[in-house]
Amino acid sequence: MKFTGPHGQQAYLMQCSGMFRSIEGCKERAEKLCPAGFEVVDRPTGVPGLQQMAGGMLIVPDKTLAVECKPGQAG
């Protein structure tokens, strides 16, 4: 998701949890989106509990990464 960052530059909020996703993968994506470099502006995390059919709770980390592109060309 695109938004304007705190310094007025193009910024992106990326979902980094789930199958085949990680914070490092989000950073690699940010490098492609922000060729002049980027700054991490927020890294919120949460731990939602999901009810399982067997009655227990499945704890799944929810990770997102918000980055703001440094001045220059943003993708």
PDB file of N, CA and C in Angstrom:
ATOM      1  N   MET A   1       0.833  -1.169   0.000  1.00  0.00           N
ATOM      2  CA  MET A   1       0.000   0.000   0.000  1.00  0.00           C
ATOM      3  C   MET A   1       0.889   1.246   0.000  1.00  0.00           C
ATOM      4  N   LYS A   2       0.618   2.182  -0.909  1.00  0.00           N
ATOM      5  CA  LYS A   2       1.391   3.414  -0.996  1.00  0.00           C
ATOM      6  C   LYS A   2       0.796   4.478  -0.078  1.00  0.00           C
ATOM      7  N   PHE A   3       1.662   5.334   0.472  1.00  0.00           N
ATOM      8  CA  PHE A   3       1.224   6.498   1.226  1.00  0.00           C
ATOM      9  C   PHE A   3       2.359   7.508   1.240  1.00  0.00           C
ATOM     10  N   THR A   4       2.084   8.711   1.736  1.00  0.00           N
ATOM     11  CA  THR A   4       3.113   9.731   1.852  1.00  0.00           C
ATOM     12  C   THR A   4       3.743   9.598   3.231  1.00  0.00           C
ATOM     13  N   GLY A   5       5.055   9.446   3.272  1.00  0.00           N
ATOM     14  CA  GLY A   5       5.771   9.242   4.524  1.00  0.00           C
ATOM     15  C   GLY A   5       5.902  10.513   5.352  1.00  0.00           C
ATOM     16  N   PRO A   6       6.450  10.385   6.557  1.00  0.00           N
ATOM     17  CA  PRO A   6       6.566  11.530   7.463  1.00  0.00           C
ATOM     18  C   PRO A   6       7.468  12.642   6.946  1.00  0.00           C
ATOM     19  N   HIS A   7       8.343  12.338   5.984  1.00  0.00           N
ATOM     20  CA  HIS A   7       9.220  13.360   5.414  1.00  0.00           C
ATOM     21  C   HIS A   7       8.746  13.826   4.042  1.00  0.00           C
ATOM     22  N   GLY A   8       7.492  13.472   3.695  1.00  0.00           N
ATOM     23  CA  GLY A   8       6.902  13.914   2.444  1.00  0.00           C
ATOM     24  C   GLY A   8       7.267  13.098   1.218  1.00  0.00           C
ATOM     25  N   GLN A   9       7.963  11.992   1.399  1.00  0.00           N
ATOM     26  CA  GLN A   9       8.378  11.137   0.285  1.00  0.00           C
ATOM     27  C   GLN A   9       7.397   9.971   0.110  1.00  0.00           C
ATOM     28  N   GLN A  10       7.474   9.315  -1.042  1.00  0.00           N
ATOM     29  CA  GLN A  10       6.669   8.121  -1.298  1.00  0.00           C
ATOM     30  C   GLN A  10       7.027   7.062  -0.268  1.00  0.00           C
ATOM     31  N   ALA A  11       6.009   6.423   0.302  1.00  0.00           N
ATOM     32  CA  ALA A  11       6.232   5.394   1.315  1.00  0.00           C
ATOM     33  C   ALA A  11       5.342   4.195   1.003  1.00  0.00           C
ATOM     34  N   TYR A  12       5.694   3.060   1.585  1.00  0.00           N
ATOM     35  CA  TYR A  12       4.971   1.819   1.333  1.00  0.00           C
ATOM     36  C   TYR A  12       4.773   1.064   2.637  1.00  0.00           C
ATOM     37  N   LEU A  13       3.583   0.493   2.815  1.00  0.00           N
ATOM     38  CA  LEU A  13       3.296  -0.411   3.922  1.00  0.00           C
ATOM     39  C   LEU A  13       3.194  -1.798   3.317  1.00  0.00           C
ATOM     40  N   MET A  14       4.026  -2.713   3.813  1.00  0.00           N
ATOM     41  CA  MET A  14       4.081  -4.061   3.247  1.00  0.00           C
ATOM     42  C   MET A  14       3.751  -5.102   4.302  1.00  0.00           C
ATOM     43  N   GLN A  15       3.005  -6.113   3.900  1.00  0.00           N
ATOM     44  CA  GLN A  15       2.680  -7.246   4.758  1.00  0.00           C
ATOM     45  C   GLN A  15       3.831  -8.245   4.656  1.00  0.00           C
ATOM     46  N   CYS A  16       4.448  -8.568   5.778  1.00  0.00           N
ATOM     47  CA  CYS A  16       5.648  -9.412   5.769  1.00  0.00           C
ATOM     48  C   CYS A  16       5.424 -10.763   6.433  1.00  0.00           C
ATOM     49  N   SER A  17       4.206 -11.079   6.813  1.00  0.00           N
ATOM     50  CA  SER A  17       3.962 -12.376   7.435  1.00  0.00           C
ATOM     51  C   SER A  17       3.175 -13.245   6.465  1.00  0.00           C
ATOM     52  N   GLY A  18       3.190 -14.508   6.722  1.00  0.00           N
ATOM     53  CA  GLY A  18       2.515 -15.456   5.864  1.00  0.00           C
ATOM     54  C   GLY A  18       3.525 -16.371   5.203  1.00  0.00           C
ATOM     55  N   MET A  19       3.015 -17.302   4.446  1.00  0.00           N
ATOM     56  CA  MET A  19       3.875 -18.276   3.791  1.00  0.00           C
ATOM     57  C   MET A  19       4.815 -17.589   2.808  1.00  0.00           C
ATOM     58  N   PHE A  20       6.072 -17.876   2.911  1.00  0.00           N
ATOM     59  CA  PHE A  20       7.130 -17.360   2.031  1.00  0.00           C
ATOM     60  C   PHE A  20       7.337 -15.846   2.159  1.00  0.00           C
ATOM     61  N   ARG A  21       6.918 -15.243   3.277  1.00  0.00           N
ATOM     62  CA  ARG A  21       7.124 -13.814   3.498  1.00  0.00           C
ATOM     63  C   ARG A  21       7.919 -13.626   4.775  1.00  0.00           C
ATOM     64  N   SER A  22       8.760 -12.593   4.791  1.00  0.00           N
ATOM     65  CA  SER A  22       9.557 -12.287   5.974  1.00  0.00           C
ATOM     66  C   SER A  22       9.909 -10.809   5.951  1.00  0.00           C
ATOM     67  N   ILE A  23      10.401 -10.301   7.066  1.00  0.00           N
ATOM     68  CA  ILE A  23      10.864  -8.915   7.132  1.00  0.00           C
ATOM     69  C   ILE A  23      11.983  -8.710   6.106  1.00  0.00           C
ATOM     70  N   GLU A  24      12.891  -9.676   6.006  1.00  0.00           N
ATOM     71  CA  GLU A  24      13.984  -9.549   5.038  1.00  0.00           C
ATOM     72  C   GLU A  24      13.448  -9.491   3.613  1.00  0.00           C
ATOM     73  N   GLY A  25      12.423 -10.277   3.321  1.00  0.00           N
ATOM     74  CA  GLY A  25      11.810 -10.235   2.000  1.00  0.00           C
ATOM     75  C   GLY A  25      11.179  -8.879   1.721  1.00  0.00           C
ATOM     76  N   CYS A  26      10.566  -8.281   2.749  1.00  0.00           N
ATOM     77  CA  CYS A  26       9.986  -6.946   2.594  1.00  0.00           C
ATOM     78  C   CYS A  26      11.081  -5.914   2.340  1.00  0.00           C
ATOM     79  N   LYS A  27      12.206  -6.051   3.017  1.00  0.00           N
ATOM     80  CA  LYS A  27      13.312  -5.115   2.801  1.00  0.00           C
ATOM     81  C   LYS A  27      13.859  -5.245   1.384  1.00  0.00           C
ATOM     82  N   GLU A  28      13.922  -6.468   0.866  1.00  0.00           N
ATOM     83  CA  GLU A  28      14.376  -6.664  -0.512  1.00  0.00           C
ATOM     84  C   GLU A  28      13.405  -5.994  -1.487  1.00  0.00           C
ATOM     85  N   ARG A  29      12.113  -6.105  -1.207  1.00  0.00           N
ATOM     86  CA  ARG A  29      11.104  -5.456  -2.049  1.00  0.00           C
ATOM     87  C   ARG A  29      11.251  -3.938  -1.966  1.00  0.00           C
ATOM     88  N   ALA A  30      11.512  -3.414  -0.762  1.00  0.00           N
ATOM     89  CA  ALA A  30      11.690  -1.971  -0.575  1.00  0.00           C
ATOM     90  C   ALA A  30      12.886  -1.467  -1.374  1.00  0.00           C
ATOM     91  N   GLU A  31      13.938  -2.265  -1.458  1.00  0.00           N
ATOM     92  CA  GLU A  31      15.116  -1.865  -2.246  1.00  0.00           C
ATOM     93  C   GLU A  31      14.748  -1.698  -3.717  1.00  0.00           C
ATOM     94  N   LYS A  32      13.840  -2.528  -4.203  1.00  0.00           N
ATOM     95  CA  LYS A  32      13.405  -2.429  -5.598  1.00  0.00           C
ATOM     96  C   LYS A  32      12.486  -1.226  -5.797  1.00  0.00           C
ATOM     97  N   LEU A  33      11.620  -0.970  -4.817  1.00  0.00           N
ATOM     98  CA  LEU A  33      10.684   0.147  -4.918  1.00  0.00           C
ATOM     99  C   LEU A  33      11.359   1.497  -4.716  1.00  0.00           C
ATOM    100  N   CYS A  34      12.455   1.505  -3.956  1.00  0.00           N
ATOM    101  CA  CYS A  34      13.145   2.753  -3.608  1.00  0.00           C
ATOM    102  C   CYS A  34      14.606   2.666  -4.039  1.00  0.00           C
ATOM    103  N   PRO A  35      14.913   2.880  -5.319  1.00  0.00           N
ATOM    104  CA  PRO A  35      16.278   2.717  -5.804  1.00  0.00           C
ATOM    105  C   PRO A  35      17.295   3.647  -5.140  1.00  0.00           C
ATOM    106  N   ALA A  36      16.851   4.788  -4.608  1.00  0.00           N
ATOM    107  CA  ALA A  36      17.769   5.718  -3.934  1.00  0.00           C
ATOM    108  C   ALA A  36      17.954   5.351  -2.458  1.00  0.00           C
ATOM    109  N   GLY A  37      17.313   4.283  -2.009  1.00  0.00           N
ATOM    110  CA  GLY A  37      17.388   3.858  -0.620  1.00  0.00           C
ATOM    111  C   GLY A  37      16.093   4.151   0.110  1.00  0.00           C
ATOM    112  N   PHE A  38      15.983   3.649   1.338  1.00  0.00           N
ATOM    113  CA  PHE A  38      14.763   3.828   2.112  1.00  0.00           C
ATOM    114  C   PHE A  38      15.082   3.885   3.596  1.00  0.00           C
ATOM    115  N   GLU A  39      14.107   4.373   4.340  1.00  0.00           N
ATOM    116  CA  GLU A  39      14.194   4.427   5.797  1.00  0.00           C
ATOM    117  C   GLU A  39      12.976   3.691   6.351  1.00  0.00           C
ATOM    118  N   VAL A  40      13.188   2.821   7.336  1.00  0.00           N
ATOM    119  CA  VAL A  40      12.069   2.150   7.988  1.00  0.00           C
ATOM    120  C   VAL A  40      11.394   3.183   8.884  1.00  0.00           C
ATOM    121  N   VAL A  41      10.098   3.409   8.666  1.00  0.00           N
ATOM    122  CA  VAL A  41       9.385   4.395   9.458  1.00  0.00           C
ATOM    123  C   VAL A  41       8.478   3.759  10.503  1.00  0.00           C
ATOM    124  N   ASP A  42       8.154   2.472  10.347  1.00  0.00           N
ATOM    125  CA  ASP A  42       7.349   1.777  11.343  1.00  0.00           C
ATOM    126  C   ASP A  42       7.473   0.284  11.095  1.00  0.00           C
ATOM    127  N   ARG A  43       7.479  -0.452  12.183  1.00  0.00           N
ATOM    128  CA  ARG A  43       7.549  -1.912  12.097  1.00  0.00           C
ATOM    129  C   ARG A  43       6.595  -2.507  13.123  1.00  0.00           C
ATOM    130  N   PRO A  44       5.289  -2.237  12.939  1.00  0.00           N
ATOM    131  CA  PRO A  44       4.328  -2.767  13.914  1.00  0.00           C
ATOM    132  C   PRO A  44       4.229  -4.281  13.821  1.00  0.00           C
ATOM    133  N   THR A  45       4.036  -4.911  14.939  1.00  0.00           N
ATOM    134  CA  THR A  45       3.818  -6.358  14.970  1.00  0.00           C
ATOM    135  C   THR A  45       2.680  -6.643  15.935  1.00  0.00           C
ATOM    136  N   GLY A  46       2.058  -7.721  15.726  1.00  0.00           N
ATOM    137  CA  GLY A  46       1.000  -8.167  16.612  1.00  0.00           C
ATOM    138  C   GLY A  46       1.003  -9.675  16.637  1.00  0.00           C
ATOM    139  N   VAL A  47       0.238 -10.241  17.536  1.00  0.00           N
ATOM    140  CA  VAL A  47       0.146 -11.691  17.618  1.00  0.00           C
ATOM    141  C   VAL A  47      -1.328 -12.050  17.762  1.00  0.00           C
ATOM    142  N   PRO A  48      -2.034 -12.112  16.639  1.00  0.00           N
ATOM    143  CA  PRO A  48      -3.442 -12.487  16.728  1.00  0.00           C
ATOM    144  C   PRO A  48      -3.590 -13.974  17.006  1.00  0.00           C
ATOM    145  N   GLY A  49      -4.565 -14.330  17.782  1.00  0.00           N
ATOM    146  CA  GLY A  49      -4.863 -15.733  18.038  1.00  0.00           C
ATOM    147  C   GLY A  49      -5.986 -16.185  17.126  1.00  0.00           C
ATOM    148  N   LEU A  50      -5.795 -17.302  16.479  1.00  0.00           N
ATOM    149  CA  LEU A  50      -6.816 -17.843  15.596  1.00  0.00           C
ATOM    150  C   LEU A  50      -7.381 -19.117  16.210  1.00  0.00           C
ATOM    151  N   GLN A  51      -8.695 -19.186  16.314  1.00  0.00           N
ATOM    152  CA  GLN A  51      -9.344 -20.362  16.877  1.00  0.00           C
ATOM    153  C   GLN A  51      -9.178 -21.539  15.927  1.00  0.00           C
ATOM    154  N   GLN A  52      -8.730 -22.673  16.451  1.00  0.00           N
ATOM    155  CA  GLN A  52      -8.593 -23.872  15.637  1.00  0.00           C
ATOM    156  C   GLN A  52      -9.826 -24.735  15.818  1.00  0.00           C
ATOM    157  N   MET A  53     -10.083 -25.585  14.838  1.00  0.00           N
ATOM    158  CA  MET A  53     -11.259 -26.455  14.908  1.00  0.00           C
ATOM    159  C   MET A  53     -11.166 -27.413  16.086  1.00  0.00           C
ATOM    160  N   ALA A  54      -9.955 -27.783  16.506  1.00  0.00           N
ATOM    161  CA  ALA A  54      -9.778 -28.702  17.627  1.00  0.00           C
ATOM    162  C   ALA A  54     -10.006 -28.003  18.966  1.00  0.00           C
ATOM    163  N   GLY A  55     -10.259 -26.705  18.947  1.00  0.00           N
ATOM    164  CA  GLY A  55     -10.565 -25.990  20.174  1.00  0.00           C
ATOM    165  C   GLY A  55      -9.413 -25.173  20.731  1.00  0.00           C
ATOM    166  N   GLY A  56      -8.208 -25.379  20.245  1.00  0.00           N
ATOM    167  CA  GLY A  56      -7.060 -24.620  20.735  1.00  0.00           C
ATOM    168  C   GLY A  56      -6.900 -23.311  19.975  1.00  0.00           C
ATOM    169  N   MET A  57      -5.865 -22.584  20.334  1.00  0.00           N
ATOM    170  CA  MET A  57      -5.566 -21.321  19.656  1.00  0.00           C
ATOM    171  C   MET A  57      -4.265 -21.477  18.877  1.00  0.00           C
ATOM    172  N   LEU A  58      -4.257 -20.984  17.669  1.00  0.00           N
ATOM    173  CA  LEU A  58      -3.057 -20.947  16.851  1.00  0.00           C
ATOM    174  C   LEU A  58      -2.550 -19.512  16.895  1.00  0.00           C
ATOM    175  N   ILE A  59      -1.341 -19.320  17.382  1.00  0.00           N
ATOM    176  CA  ILE A  59      -0.761 -17.994  17.479  1.00  0.00           C
ATOM    177  C   ILE A  59       0.053 -17.730  16.214  1.00  0.00           C
ATOM    178  N   VAL A  60      -0.316 -16.696  15.492  1.00  0.00           N
ATOM    179  CA  VAL A  60       0.333 -16.369  14.227  1.00  0.00           C
ATOM    180  C   VAL A  60       0.869 -14.946  14.309  1.00  0.00           C
ATOM    181  N   PRO A  61       2.189 -14.756  14.221  1.00  0.00           N
ATOM    182  CA  PRO A  61       2.709 -13.387  14.237  1.00  0.00           C
ATOM    183  C   PRO A  61       2.273 -12.618  12.996  1.00  0.00           C
ATOM    184  N   ASP A  62       1.856 -11.392  13.207  1.00  0.00           N
ATOM    185  CA  ASP A  62       1.440 -10.518  12.118  1.00  0.00           C
ATOM    186  C   ASP A  62       2.490  -9.436  12.004  1.00  0.00           C
ATOM    187  N   LYS A  63       3.260  -9.447  10.924  1.00  0.00           N
ATOM    188  CA  LYS A  63       4.360  -8.499  10.755  1.00  0.00           C
ATOM    189  C   LYS A  63       4.108  -7.620   9.546  1.00  0.00           C
ATOM    190  N   THR A  64       4.311  -6.331   9.737  1.00  0.00           N
ATOM    191  CA  THR A  64       4.253  -5.394   8.628  1.00  0.00           C
ATOM    192  C   THR A  64       5.481  -4.503   8.698  1.00  0.00           C
ATOM    193  N   LEU A  65       5.805  -3.892   7.584  1.00  0.00           N
ATOM    194  CA  LEU A  65       6.950  -2.991   7.523  1.00  0.00           C
ATOM    195  C   LEU A  65       6.544  -1.776   6.707  1.00  0.00           C
ATOM    196  N   ALA A  66       6.749  -0.592   7.281  1.00  0.00           N
ATOM    197  CA  ALA A  66       6.479   0.653   6.568  1.00  0.00           C
ATOM    198  C   ALA A  66       7.824   1.315   6.278  1.00  0.00           C
ATOM    199  N   VAL A  67       8.064   1.643   5.017  1.00  0.00           N
ATOM    200  CA  VAL A  67       9.309   2.276   4.610  1.00  0.00           C
ATOM    201  C   VAL A  67       9.000   3.543   3.830  1.00  0.00           C
ATOM    202  N   GLU A  68       9.864   4.511   3.961  1.00  0.00           N
ATOM    203  CA  GLU A  68       9.774   5.746   3.188  1.00  0.00           C
ATOM    204  C   GLU A  68      11.004   5.837   2.295  1.00  0.00           C
ATOM    205  N   CYS A  69      10.768   6.073   1.012  1.00  0.00           N
ATOM    206  CA  CYS A  69      11.877   6.184   0.063  1.00  0.00           C
ATOM    207  C   CYS A  69      12.668   7.461   0.355  1.00  0.00           C
ATOM    208  N   LYS A  70      13.972   7.344   0.188  1.00  0.00           N
ATOM    209  CA  LYS A  70      14.818   8.537   0.302  1.00  0.00           C
ATOM    210  C   LYS A  70      14.615   9.383  -0.957  1.00  0.00           C
ATOM    211  N   PRO A  71      14.882  10.681  -0.873  1.00  0.00           N
ATOM    212  CA  PRO A  71      14.676  11.528  -2.049  1.00  0.00           C
ATOM    213  C   PRO A  71      15.368  10.952  -3.276  1.00  0.00           C
ATOM    214  N   GLY A  72      14.693  10.979  -4.351  1.00  0.00           N
ATOM    215  CA  GLY A  72      15.160  10.386  -5.600  1.00  0.00           C
ATOM    216  C   GLY A  72      13.963   9.756  -6.271  1.00  0.00           C
ATOM    217  N   GLN A  73      14.198   8.901  -7.191  1.00  0.00           N
ATOM    218  CA  GLN A  73      13.108   8.286  -7.938  1.00  0.00           C
ATOM    219  C   GLN A  73      12.575   7.095  -7.175  1.00  0.00           C
ATOM    220  N   ALA A  74      11.271   7.086  -6.927  1.00  0.00           N
ATOM    221  CA  ALA A  74      10.607   5.938  -6.288  1.00  0.00           C
ATOM    222  C   ALA A  74       9.877   5.149  -7.366  1.00  0.00           C
ATOM    223  N   GLY A  75       9.852   3.820  -7.194  1.00  0.00           N
ATOM    224  CA  GLY A  75       9.167   2.975  -8.165  1.00  0.00           C
ATOM    225  C   GLY A  75       7.751   2.938  -7.848  1.00  0.00           C
TER     226      GLY A  75
END
